[in-house]
Amino acid sequence: MRAAPIALFVYRRPEHTRRTLEFLRRNVGAGESALHIFCDGPRSEAEKPLTDEVREIAARAEGFASVELHAAERNRGLAASVVAGVDEMTARFGRVIVLEDDMESSPYFLSFMNEALNRFAHDGRIAEIHGYTAPLPPGTPECFLRRGADCWGWATWERGWRLFNPDAAALLTELKRRGETRLFDLDGAFPFCRMLADQAAGKLDSWAIRWQASVFLAGKYMLQSGRPLIRNIGGDGSGRHCAAGVGEEFRLWERPVGIPEEPEPEREAVRQAYRASLGNWRIPLSRRIAGKLRYEFRRLFPGGKK
């Protein structure tokens, strides 16, 4: 099976990076996969020891067909790093599997991604393959189609990434023109449109909301794993883009995920489950601040009380 290159985006979290790499190394097919690690630069001199430690961990990564480091001298931010990195990878290789430094993967994450990338390479309906899933009801298919795109453990082709529109204001205007703002917000379950508005106003810096809206407006789909192939470990106050506790709801899947020749669209019960799970993201600011303080305390005083 043709193995797509992996792009891993890392920054200043050594332990998260170490765990992400270790889980990825255990994947079926890791030894046939080229790993490209994109290391962002520090925002200040105070962050340099952490970013240097992350780069040392990345340089020692093993268990892959090859490892190539892409080290930024200055801080670009996650959004700019991901957009530039995916641009480069899809231009060079025509496809890419994308992870960030806070994602533990099932041993069958890579095999699912690669099988789907190969099987649907010329299926114009599908723009993305996605590995993270919300807790879903019994009887959910092993994979299915969802309109739009998502951002935790995903893959795409050059043809899919061409859909990406960086102009958040234009995306929001088009959603309003079509009367699809409530549909994009999952029937009001989560304020995705407000995120687009914040992006347009410079209050948010997110590649993910623009990618999601771009694919949604193009009328394209992600092939969504119905089994948990990714667990996000960034909900400990260490990250800037992940709420506390989000993404850690379940154990990773320990068997291959079956991919049918003709995946079915998501069922209404599945859509309802996604709407319900998004309630976990509506976490009060006080809890976000408390989580951040706990993380910094554990980092600065590892022997102290929690």
C-alpha atoms as a PDB file:
ATOM      1  CA  MET A   1       0.000   0.000   0.000  1.00  0.00           C
ATOM      2  CA  ARG A   2       1.281   3.450  -0.881  1.00  0.00           C
ATOM      3  CA  ALA A   3       2.122   5.311   2.338  1.00  0.00           C
ATOM      4  CA  ALA A   4       1.473   9.040   2.407  1.00  0.00           C
ATOM      5  CA  PRO A   5       4.008  11.321   4.104  1.00  0.00           C
ATOM      6  CA  ILE A   6       3.122  12.515   7.593  1.00  0.00           C
ATOM      7  CA  ALA A   7       3.320  16.184   8.612  1.00  0.00           C
ATOM      8  CA  LEU A   8       3.615  16.668  12.385  1.00  0.00           C
ATOM      9  CA  PHE A   9       3.400  20.243  13.704  1.00  0.00           C
ATOM     10  CA  VAL A  10       5.167  20.853  17.029  1.00  0.00           C
ATOM     11  CA  TYR A  11       5.959  23.878  19.144  1.00  0.00           C
ATOM     12  CA  ARG A  12       6.892  24.081  22.817  1.00  0.00           C
ATOM     13  CA  ARG A  13       5.430  20.993  24.534  1.00  0.00           C
ATOM     14  CA  PRO A  14       8.176  18.373  24.950  1.00  0.00           C
ATOM     15  CA  GLU A  15       6.146  15.744  26.790  1.00  0.00           C
ATOM     16  CA  HIS A  16       3.193  16.019  24.432  1.00  0.00           C
ATOM     17  CA  THR A  17       5.525  15.751  21.449  1.00  0.00           C
ATOM     18  CA  ARG A  18       7.225  12.699  22.952  1.00  0.00           C
ATOM     19  CA  ARG A  19       3.905  10.963  23.552  1.00  0.00           C
ATOM     20  CA  THR A  20       2.565  11.838  20.105  1.00  0.00           C
ATOM     21  CA  LEU A  21       5.697  10.415  18.458  1.00  0.00           C
ATOM     22  CA  GLU A  22       5.652   7.253  20.554  1.00  0.00           C
ATOM     23  CA  PHE A  23       2.032   6.455  19.719  1.00  0.00           C
ATOM     24  CA  LEU A  24       2.658   7.240  16.065  1.00  0.00           C
ATOM     25  CA  ARG A  25       5.723   4.983  15.997  1.00  0.00           C
ATOM     26  CA  ARG A  26       3.547   2.065  17.175  1.00  0.00           C
ATOM     27  CA  ASN A  27       1.267   2.434  14.154  1.00  0.00           C
ATOM     28  CA  VAL A  28       0.979  -0.285  11.553  1.00  0.00           C
ATOM     29  CA  GLY A  29       2.805   1.151   8.543  1.00  0.00           C
ATOM     30  CA  ALA A  30       4.948   3.655  10.462  1.00  0.00           C
ATOM     31  CA  GLY A  31       8.117   2.008   9.155  1.00  0.00           C
ATOM     32  CA  GLU A  32       7.038   2.677   5.567  1.00  0.00           C
ATOM     33  CA  SER A  33       6.050   6.306   6.230  1.00  0.00           C
ATOM     34  CA  ALA A  34       8.168   9.428   5.740  1.00  0.00           C
ATOM     35  CA  LEU A  35       7.772  11.752   8.734  1.00  0.00           C
ATOM     36  CA  HIS A  36       8.151  15.521   8.310  1.00  0.00           C
ATOM     37  CA  ILE A  37       8.251  17.445  11.582  1.00  0.00           C
ATOM     38  CA  PHE A  38       7.493  21.173  11.388  1.00  0.00           C
ATOM     39  CA  CYS A  39       8.977  22.914  14.454  1.00  0.00           C
ATOM     40  CA  ASP A  40       7.714  26.430  15.128  1.00  0.00           C
ATOM     41  CA  GLY A  41      10.059  29.004  16.605  1.00  0.00           C
ATOM     42  CA  PRO A  42       9.803  30.571  20.088  1.00  0.00           C
ATOM     43  CA  ARG A  43       7.711  33.664  20.685  1.00  0.00           C
ATOM     44  CA  SER A  44      10.245  34.923  23.249  1.00  0.00           C
ATOM     45  CA  GLU A  45      13.624  34.057  24.760  1.00  0.00           C
ATOM     46  CA  ALA A  46      11.781  32.515  27.702  1.00  0.00           C
ATOM     47  CA  GLU A  47      10.262  29.895  25.378  1.00  0.00           C
ATOM     48  CA  LYS A  48      13.529  28.992  23.674  1.00  0.00           C
ATOM     49  CA  PRO A  49      14.522  26.202  26.111  1.00  0.00           C
ATOM     50  CA  LEU A  50      11.189  24.476  25.476  1.00  0.00           C
ATOM     51  CA  THR A  51      11.308  24.827  21.698  1.00  0.00           C
ATOM     52  CA  ASP A  52      14.927  23.622  21.718  1.00  0.00           C
ATOM     53  CA  GLU A  53      13.947  20.571  23.768  1.00  0.00           C
ATOM     54  CA  VAL A  54      11.121  19.798  21.344  1.00  0.00           C
ATOM     55  CA  ARG A  55      13.562  19.977  18.416  1.00  0.00           C
ATOM     56  CA  GLU A  56      15.938  17.599  20.167  1.00  0.00           C
ATOM     57  CA  ILE A  57      13.083  15.122  20.653  1.00  0.00           C
ATOM     58  CA  ALA A  58      12.075  15.514  17.012  1.00  0.00           C
ATOM     59  CA  ALA A  59      15.647  14.950  15.820  1.00  0.00           C
ATOM     60  CA  ARG A  60      15.774  11.645  17.713  1.00  0.00           C
ATOM     61  CA  ALA A  61      12.494  10.315  16.265  1.00  0.00           C
ATOM     62  CA  GLU A  62      12.850   6.782  14.932  1.00  0.00           C
ATOM     63  CA  GLY A  63      10.735   3.955  13.617  1.00  0.00           C
ATOM     64  CA  PHE A  64       9.832   5.705  10.349  1.00  0.00           C
ATOM     65  CA  ALA A  65      11.092   5.313   6.793  1.00  0.00           C
ATOM     66  CA  SER A  66      12.727   8.736   7.108  1.00  0.00           C
ATOM     67  CA  VAL A  67      12.535  11.813   9.327  1.00  0.00           C
ATOM     68  CA  GLU A  68      12.908  15.359   7.988  1.00  0.00           C
ATOM     69  CA  LEU A  69      12.866  18.422  10.239  1.00  0.00           C
ATOM     70  CA  HIS A  70      11.539  21.803   9.095  1.00  0.00           C
ATOM     71  CA  ALA A  71      12.672  24.271  11.778  1.00  0.00           C
ATOM     72  CA  ALA A  72      11.370  27.847  11.750  1.00  0.00           C
ATOM     73  CA  GLU A  73      13.734  30.493  13.109  1.00  0.00           C
ATOM     74  CA  ARG A  74      10.877  32.714  14.252  1.00  0.00           C
ATOM     75  CA  ASN A  75       7.445  32.008  15.626  1.00  0.00           C
ATOM     76  CA  ARG A  76       4.898  31.737  12.834  1.00  0.00           C
ATOM     77  CA  GLY A  77       1.911  30.607  14.877  1.00  0.00           C
ATOM     78  CA  LEU A  78      -0.009  27.387  14.368  1.00  0.00           C
ATOM     79  CA  ALA A  79      -2.297  28.628  11.596  1.00  0.00           C
ATOM     80  CA  ALA A  80       0.500  29.956   9.376  1.00  0.00           C
ATOM     81  CA  SER A  81       2.643  26.886  10.112  1.00  0.00           C
ATOM     82  CA  VAL A  82      -0.087  24.431   9.138  1.00  0.00           C
ATOM     83  CA  VAL A  83      -1.128  26.294   5.987  1.00  0.00           C
ATOM     84  CA  ALA A  84       2.452  26.654   4.757  1.00  0.00           C
ATOM     85  CA  GLY A  85       3.321  23.085   5.711  1.00  0.00           C
ATOM     86  CA  VAL A  86       0.321  21.513   4.012  1.00  0.00           C
ATOM     87  CA  ASP A  87       0.935  23.718   0.967  1.00  0.00           C
ATOM     88  CA  GLU A  88       4.483  22.371   0.760  1.00  0.00           C
ATOM     89  CA  MET A  89       3.598  18.733   1.389  1.00  0.00           C
ATOM     90  CA  THR A  90       0.725  18.544  -1.087  1.00  0.00           C
ATOM     91  CA  ALA A  91       2.817  20.315  -3.734  1.00  0.00           C
ATOM     92  CA  ARG A  92       5.697  17.883  -3.229  1.00  0.00           C
ATOM     93  CA  PHE A  93       3.837  14.629  -2.682  1.00  0.00           C
ATOM     94  CA  GLY A  94       0.221  15.118  -3.798  1.00  0.00           C
ATOM     95  CA  ARG A  95      -1.156  13.970  -0.426  1.00  0.00           C
ATOM     96  CA  VAL A  96      -0.401  14.280   3.277  1.00  0.00           C
ATOM     97  CA  ILE A  97      -1.449  12.991   6.710  1.00  0.00           C
ATOM     98  CA  VAL A  98      -1.548  15.820   9.277  1.00  0.00           C
ATOM     99  CA  LEU A  99      -1.072  15.680  13.056  1.00  0.00           C
ATOM    100  CA  GLU A 100      -0.270  18.172  15.794  1.00  0.00           C
ATOM    101  CA  ASP A 101       1.853  17.660  18.895  1.00  0.00           C
ATOM    102  CA  ASP A 102      -1.004  16.725  21.220  1.00  0.00           C
ATOM    103  CA  MET A 103      -2.562  13.752  19.429  1.00  0.00           C
ATOM    104  CA  GLU A 104      -2.226  10.129  20.496  1.00  0.00           C
ATOM    105  CA  SER A 105      -3.106   7.774  17.675  1.00  0.00           C
ATOM    106  CA  SER A 106      -4.536   4.280  17.477  1.00  0.00           C
ATOM    107  CA  PRO A 107      -2.166   1.631  16.048  1.00  0.00           C
ATOM    108  CA  TYR A 108      -4.494   1.591  13.029  1.00  0.00           C
ATOM    109  CA  PHE A 109      -4.682   5.337  12.408  1.00  0.00           C
ATOM    110  CA  LEU A 110      -2.090   5.343   9.608  1.00  0.00           C
ATOM    111  CA  SER A 111      -3.485   2.245   7.924  1.00  0.00           C
ATOM    112  CA  PHE A 112      -6.977   3.799   7.865  1.00  0.00           C
ATOM    113  CA  MET A 113      -5.616   7.051   6.455  1.00  0.00           C
ATOM    114  CA  ASN A 114      -3.522   5.356   3.784  1.00  0.00           C
ATOM    115  CA  GLU A 115      -6.199   2.898   2.684  1.00  0.00           C
ATOM    116  CA  ALA A 116      -8.735   5.717   2.364  1.00  0.00           C
ATOM    117  CA  LEU A 117      -6.288   8.036   0.586  1.00  0.00           C
ATOM    118  CA  ASN A 118      -5.530   5.325  -1.950  1.00  0.00           C
ATOM    119  CA  ARG A 119      -9.101   4.128  -2.450  1.00  0.00           C
ATOM    120  CA  PHE A 120     -10.722   7.559  -2.838  1.00  0.00           C
ATOM    121  CA  ALA A 121      -7.858   9.397  -4.534  1.00  0.00           C
ATOM    122  CA  HIS A 122     -10.036  10.147  -7.556  1.00  0.00           C
ATOM    123  CA  ASP A 123     -13.397  10.499  -5.795  1.00  0.00           C
ATOM    124  CA  GLY A 124     -14.206  14.175  -6.200  1.00  0.00           C
ATOM    125  CA  ARG A 125     -16.862  14.086  -3.479  1.00  0.00           C
ATOM    126  CA  ILE A 126     -14.311  13.492  -0.704  1.00  0.00           C
ATOM    127  CA  ALA A 127     -11.850  16.235   0.269  1.00  0.00           C
ATOM    128  CA  GLU A 128     -10.568  14.887   3.586  1.00  0.00           C
ATOM    129  CA  ILE A 129     -10.089  11.757   5.693  1.00  0.00           C
ATOM    130  CA  HIS A 130     -10.601  12.283   9.443  1.00  0.00           C
ATOM    131  CA  GLY A 131      -9.619  10.132  12.430  1.00  0.00           C
ATOM    132  CA  TYR A 132     -10.991  11.822  15.562  1.00  0.00           C
ATOM    133  CA  THR A 133     -14.625  11.207  16.370  1.00  0.00           C
ATOM    134  CA  ALA A 134     -17.105  12.154  19.068  1.00  0.00           C
ATOM    135  CA  PRO A 135     -18.680   9.405  21.221  1.00  0.00           C
ATOM    136  CA  LEU A 136     -21.211   7.901  18.818  1.00  0.00           C
ATOM    137  CA  PRO A 137     -24.326   5.722  19.319  1.00  0.00           C
ATOM    138  CA  PRO A 138     -24.263   1.926  18.962  1.00  0.00           C
ATOM    139  CA  GLY A 139     -24.668   0.748  15.388  1.00  0.00           C
ATOM    140  CA  THR A 140     -22.711   3.642  13.876  1.00  0.00           C
ATOM    141  CA  PRO A 141     -20.892   2.456  10.722  1.00  0.00           C
ATOM    142  CA  GLU A 142     -17.129   2.047  10.940  1.00  0.00           C
ATOM    143  CA  CYS A 143     -16.809   5.053   8.638  1.00  0.00           C
ATOM    144  CA  PHE A 144     -19.210   7.394   6.880  1.00  0.00           C
ATOM    145  CA  LEU A 145     -19.430  10.707   5.038  1.00  0.00           C
ATOM    146  CA  ARG A 146     -19.842  14.075   6.756  1.00  0.00           C
ATOM    147  CA  ARG A 147     -20.143  17.390   4.957  1.00  0.00           C
ATOM    148  CA  GLY A 148     -17.212  19.716   5.548  1.00  0.00           C
ATOM    149  CA  ALA A 149     -13.860  19.017   7.154  1.00  0.00           C
ATOM    150  CA  ASP A 150     -12.273  18.679  10.589  1.00  0.00           C
ATOM    151  CA  CYS A 151      -8.853  19.133  12.141  1.00  0.00           C
ATOM    152  CA  TRP A 152      -7.716  16.415  14.590  1.00  0.00           C
ATOM    153  CA  GLY A 153      -5.792  13.702  12.787  1.00  0.00           C
ATOM    154  CA  TRP A 154      -6.669  14.188   9.129  1.00  0.00           C
ATOM    155  CA  ALA A 155      -5.423  13.701   5.603  1.00  0.00           C
ATOM    156  CA  THR A 156      -6.041  15.189   2.196  1.00  0.00           C
ATOM    157  CA  TRP A 157      -4.835  15.278  -1.387  1.00  0.00           C
ATOM    158  CA  GLU A 158      -3.524  18.206  -3.393  1.00  0.00           C
ATOM    159  CA  ARG A 159      -6.918  18.417  -5.146  1.00  0.00           C
ATOM    160  CA  GLY A 160      -8.658  18.660  -1.754  1.00  0.00           C
ATOM    161  CA  TRP A 161      -6.311  21.284  -0.335  1.00  0.00           C
ATOM    162  CA  ARG A 162      -6.870  23.460  -3.400  1.00  0.00           C
ATOM    163  CA  LEU A 163     -10.322  24.173  -1.934  1.00  0.00           C
ATOM    164  CA  PHE A 164      -8.784  26.029   1.030  1.00  0.00           C
ATOM    165  CA  ASN A 165      -9.841  29.693   1.049  1.00  0.00           C
ATOM    166  CA  PRO A 166      -7.870  31.811   3.556  1.00  0.00           C
ATOM    167  CA  ASP A 167     -10.398  34.685   3.393  1.00  0.00           C
ATOM    168  CA  ALA A 168     -12.637  34.214   6.437  1.00  0.00           C
ATOM    169  CA  ALA A 169     -14.770  37.246   5.632  1.00  0.00           C
ATOM    170  CA  ALA A 170     -15.543  35.926   2.153  1.00  0.00           C
ATOM    171  CA  LEU A 171     -16.416  32.505   3.571  1.00  0.00           C
ATOM    172  CA  LEU A 172     -18.805  33.997   6.129  1.00  0.00           C
ATOM    173  CA  THR A 173     -20.421  36.241   3.520  1.00  0.00           C
ATOM    174  CA  GLU A 174     -21.075  33.250   1.285  1.00  0.00           C
ATOM    175  CA  LEU A 175     -22.584  31.220   4.144  1.00  0.00           C
ATOM    176  CA  LYS A 176     -24.960  34.105   4.870  1.00  0.00           C
ATOM    177  CA  ARG A 177     -25.807  34.561   1.194  1.00  0.00           C
ATOM    178  CA  ARG A 178     -26.792  30.895   0.931  1.00  0.00           C
ATOM    179  CA  GLY A 179     -28.719  30.959   4.208  1.00  0.00           C
ATOM    180  CA  GLU A 180     -26.545  28.147   5.601  1.00  0.00           C
ATOM    181  CA  THR A 181     -25.160  29.735   8.747  1.00  0.00           C
ATOM    182  CA  ARG A 182     -27.335  27.667  11.093  1.00  0.00           C
ATOM    183  CA  LEU A 183     -26.547  24.476   9.195  1.00  0.00           C
ATOM    184  CA  PHE A 184     -22.826  25.261   9.411  1.00  0.00           C
ATOM    185  CA  ASP A 185     -23.257  25.823  13.157  1.00  0.00           C
ATOM    186  CA  LEU A 186     -24.713  22.289  13.438  1.00  0.00           C
ATOM    187  CA  ASP A 187     -28.209  23.684  13.999  1.00  0.00           C
ATOM    188  CA  GLY A 188     -26.904  26.160  16.541  1.00  0.00           C
ATOM    189  CA  ALA A 189     -24.924  23.633  18.594  1.00  0.00           C
ATOM    190  CA  PHE A 190     -21.654  25.545  18.252  1.00  0.00           C
ATOM    191  CA  PRO A 191     -20.768  29.087  17.044  1.00  0.00           C
ATOM    192  CA  PHE A 192     -18.590  28.192  14.060  1.00  0.00           C
ATOM    193  CA  CYS A 193     -19.814  31.271  12.207  1.00  0.00           C
ATOM    194  CA  ARG A 194     -18.763  33.448  15.113  1.00  0.00           C
ATOM    195  CA  MET A 195     -15.316  31.858  14.855  1.00  0.00           C
ATOM    196  CA  LEU A 196     -15.203  32.880  11.199  1.00  0.00           C
ATOM    197  CA  ALA A 197     -16.231  36.405  12.165  1.00  0.00           C
ATOM    198  CA  ASP A 198     -13.526  36.534  14.854  1.00  0.00           C
ATOM    199  CA  GLN A 199     -10.993  35.267  12.312  1.00  0.00           C
ATOM    200  CA  ALA A 200     -12.004  37.992   9.874  1.00  0.00           C
ATOM    201  CA  ALA A 201     -11.733  40.608  12.641  1.00  0.00           C
ATOM    202  CA  GLY A 202      -8.270  39.462  13.711  1.00  0.00           C
ATOM    203  CA  LYS A 203      -9.494  38.160  17.085  1.00  0.00           C
ATOM    204  CA  LEU A 204      -8.717  34.544  16.184  1.00  0.00           C
ATOM    205  CA  ASP A 205      -5.949  32.857  14.227  1.00  0.00           C
ATOM    206  CA  SER A 206      -7.278  29.518  12.994  1.00  0.00           C
ATOM    207  CA  TRP A 207      -6.569  27.577   9.835  1.00  0.00           C
ATOM    208  CA  ALA A 208      -9.124  24.939  10.897  1.00  0.00           C
ATOM    209  CA  ILE A 209     -12.281  27.067  10.806  1.00  0.00           C
ATOM    210  CA  ARG A 210     -11.352  28.315   7.319  1.00  0.00           C
ATOM    211  CA  TRP A 211     -10.611  24.782   6.086  1.00  0.00           C
ATOM    212  CA  GLN A 212     -13.909  23.543   7.537  1.00  0.00           C
ATOM    213  CA  ALA A 213     -15.890  26.348   5.885  1.00  0.00           C
ATOM    214  CA  SER A 214     -14.050  25.991   2.571  1.00  0.00           C
ATOM    215  CA  VAL A 215     -14.905  22.314   2.223  1.00  0.00           C
ATOM    216  CA  PHE A 216     -18.456  22.844   3.492  1.00  0.00           C
ATOM    217  CA  LEU A 217     -19.157  25.576   0.928  1.00  0.00           C
ATOM    218  CA  ALA A 218     -17.667  23.457  -1.851  1.00  0.00           C
ATOM    219  CA  GLY A 219     -20.281  20.804  -1.043  1.00  0.00           C
ATOM    220  CA  LYS A 220     -17.556  18.235  -0.330  1.00  0.00           C
ATOM    221  CA  TYR A 221     -17.239  15.603   2.383  1.00  0.00           C
ATOM    222  CA  MET A 222     -14.802  14.096   4.830  1.00  0.00           C
ATOM    223  CA  LEU A 223     -14.608  10.335   5.201  1.00  0.00           C
ATOM    224  CA  GLN A 224     -15.080  10.144   8.953  1.00  0.00           C
ATOM    225  CA  SER A 225     -13.882   7.207  11.028  1.00  0.00           C
ATOM    226  CA  GLY A 226     -16.721   5.975  13.200  1.00  0.00           C
ATOM    227  CA  ARG A 227     -14.179   4.552  15.640  1.00  0.00           C
ATOM    228  CA  PRO A 228     -11.788   6.633  17.814  1.00  0.00           C
ATOM    229  CA  LEU A 229      -8.420   6.660  16.056  1.00  0.00           C
ATOM    230  CA  ILE A 230      -7.199   9.906  17.675  1.00  0.00           C
ATOM    231  CA  ARG A 231      -7.236  11.078  21.285  1.00  0.00           C
ATOM    232  CA  ASN A 232      -6.371  14.732  21.909  1.00  0.00           C
ATOM    233  CA  ILE A 233      -4.137  15.214  24.956  1.00  0.00           C
ATOM    234  CA  GLY A 234      -3.936  19.002  24.736  1.00  0.00           C
ATOM    235  CA  GLY A 235      -6.812  19.658  27.132  1.00  0.00           C
ATOM    236  CA  ASP A 236      -4.505  20.020  30.146  1.00  0.00           C
ATOM    237  CA  GLY A 237      -3.995  23.764  29.912  1.00  0.00           C
ATOM    238  CA  SER A 238      -0.827  23.445  27.823  1.00  0.00           C
ATOM    239  CA  GLY A 239      -2.327  24.508  24.502  1.00  0.00           C
ATOM    240  CA  ARG A 240      -3.842  27.712  23.176  1.00  0.00           C
ATOM    241  CA  HIS A 241      -6.536  26.122  21.016  1.00  0.00           C
ATOM    242  CA  CYS A 242      -7.956  23.217  23.055  1.00  0.00           C
ATOM    243  CA  ALA A 243     -10.374  23.416  25.982  1.00  0.00           C
ATOM    244  CA  ALA A 244      -9.668  21.412  29.122  1.00  0.00           C
ATOM    245  CA  GLY A 245     -10.774  17.799  28.912  1.00  0.00           C
ATOM    246  CA  VAL A 246     -11.928  17.950  25.297  1.00  0.00           C
ATOM    247  CA  GLY A 247     -10.787  15.022  23.182  1.00  0.00           C
ATOM    248  CA  GLU A 248     -10.066  12.562  25.987  1.00  0.00           C
ATOM    249  CA  GLU A 249     -13.506  10.950  26.189  1.00  0.00           C
ATOM    250  CA  PHE A 250     -12.614   7.393  25.175  1.00  0.00           C
ATOM    251  CA  ARG A 251     -10.031   4.693  24.621  1.00  0.00           C
ATOM    252  CA  LEU A 252      -8.378   4.399  21.251  1.00  0.00           C
ATOM    253  CA  TRP A 253      -9.630   1.757  18.815  1.00  0.00           C
ATOM    254  CA  GLU A 254      -7.429  -1.341  18.754  1.00  0.00           C
ATOM    255  CA  ARG A 255      -8.561  -2.967  15.506  1.00  0.00           C
ATOM    256  CA  PRO A 256      -8.532  -2.006  11.822  1.00  0.00           C
ATOM    257  CA  VAL A 257     -11.456   0.139  10.654  1.00  0.00           C
ATOM    258  CA  GLY A 258     -13.381  -1.300   7.725  1.00  0.00           C
ATOM    259  CA  ILE A 259     -13.852   0.963   4.703  1.00  0.00           C
ATOM    260  CA  PRO A 260     -16.781   0.088   2.415  1.00  0.00           C
ATOM    261  CA  GLU A 261     -16.698   0.661  -1.318  1.00  0.00           C
ATOM    262  CA  GLU A 262     -19.554   3.146  -0.978  1.00  0.00           C
ATOM    263  CA  PRO A 263     -19.598   4.913   2.438  1.00  0.00           C
ATOM    264  CA  GLU A 264     -23.019   6.098   3.552  1.00  0.00           C
ATOM    265  CA  PRO A 265     -23.830   9.682   4.637  1.00  0.00           C
ATOM    266  CA  GLU A 266     -23.979  10.318   8.370  1.00  0.00           C
ATOM    267  CA  ARG A 267     -27.198   9.232  10.046  1.00  0.00           C
ATOM    268  CA  GLU A 268     -29.394  11.631  11.977  1.00  0.00           C
ATOM    269  CA  ALA A 269     -28.524   9.890  15.268  1.00  0.00           C
ATOM    270  CA  VAL A 270     -24.841  10.462  14.527  1.00  0.00           C
ATOM    271  CA  ARG A 271     -25.461  14.120  13.732  1.00  0.00           C
ATOM    272  CA  GLN A 272     -27.293  14.488  17.043  1.00  0.00           C
ATOM    273  CA  ALA A 273     -24.354  12.883  18.851  1.00  0.00           C
ATOM    274  CA  TYR A 274     -21.986  15.420  17.319  1.00  0.00           C
ATOM    275  CA  ARG A 275     -24.275  18.260  18.343  1.00  0.00           C
ATOM    276  CA  ALA A 276     -24.341  16.958  21.914  1.00  0.00           C
ATOM    277  CA  SER A 277     -20.559  16.492  22.085  1.00  0.00           C
ATOM    278  CA  LEU A 278     -19.931  20.100  21.087  1.00  0.00           C
ATOM    279  CA  GLY A 279     -21.469  21.145  24.398  1.00  0.00           C
ATOM    280  CA  ASN A 280     -18.195  20.021  25.998  1.00  0.00           C
ATOM    281  CA  TRP A 281     -16.443  22.863  24.200  1.00  0.00           C
ATOM    282  CA  ARG A 282     -18.569  25.534  25.875  1.00  0.00           C
ATOM    283  CA  ILE A 283     -16.283  25.742  28.889  1.00  0.00           C
ATOM    284  CA  PRO A 284     -16.382  28.883  31.054  1.00  0.00           C
ATOM    285  CA  LEU A 285     -13.372  31.180  30.920  1.00  0.00           C
ATOM    286  CA  SER A 286     -12.738  30.597  34.638  1.00  0.00           C
ATOM    287  CA  ARG A 287     -12.216  26.871  34.040  1.00  0.00           C
ATOM    288  CA  ARG A 288      -9.918  27.557  31.089  1.00  0.00           C
ATOM    289  CA  ILE A 289      -7.790  29.896  33.242  1.00  0.00           C
ATOM    290  CA  ALA A 290      -7.717  27.383  36.102  1.00  0.00           C
ATOM    291  CA  GLY A 291      -6.571  24.641  33.740  1.00  0.00           C
ATOM    292  CA  LYS A 292      -3.813  26.858  32.375  1.00  0.00           C
ATOM    293  CA  LEU A 293      -2.619  27.727  35.886  1.00  0.00           C
ATOM    294  CA  ARG A 294      -2.553  24.046  36.906  1.00  0.00           C
ATOM    295  CA  TYR A 295      -0.485  23.172  33.848  1.00  0.00           C
ATOM    296  CA  GLU A 296       2.063  25.957  34.472  1.00  0.00           C
ATOM    297  CA  PHE A 297       2.343  25.008  38.157  1.00  0.00           C
ATOM    298  CA  ARG A 298       3.053  21.354  37.282  1.00  0.00           C
ATOM    299  CA  ARG A 299       5.612  22.466  34.694  1.00  0.00           C
ATOM    300  CA  LEU A 300       7.459  24.850  37.037  1.00  0.00           C
ATOM    301  CA  PHE A 301       7.149  22.750  40.199  1.00  0.00           C
ATOM    302  CA  PRO A 302       7.007  19.084  39.090  1.00  0.00           C
ATOM    303  CA  GLY A 303       7.384  17.847  42.670  1.00  0.00           C
ATOM    304  CA  GLY A 304       4.694  20.065  44.114  1.00  0.00           C
ATOM    305  CA  LYS A 305       1.126  19.258  45.079  1.00  0.00           C
ATOM    306  CA  LYS A 306      -1.506  19.308  42.347  1.00  0.00           C
END
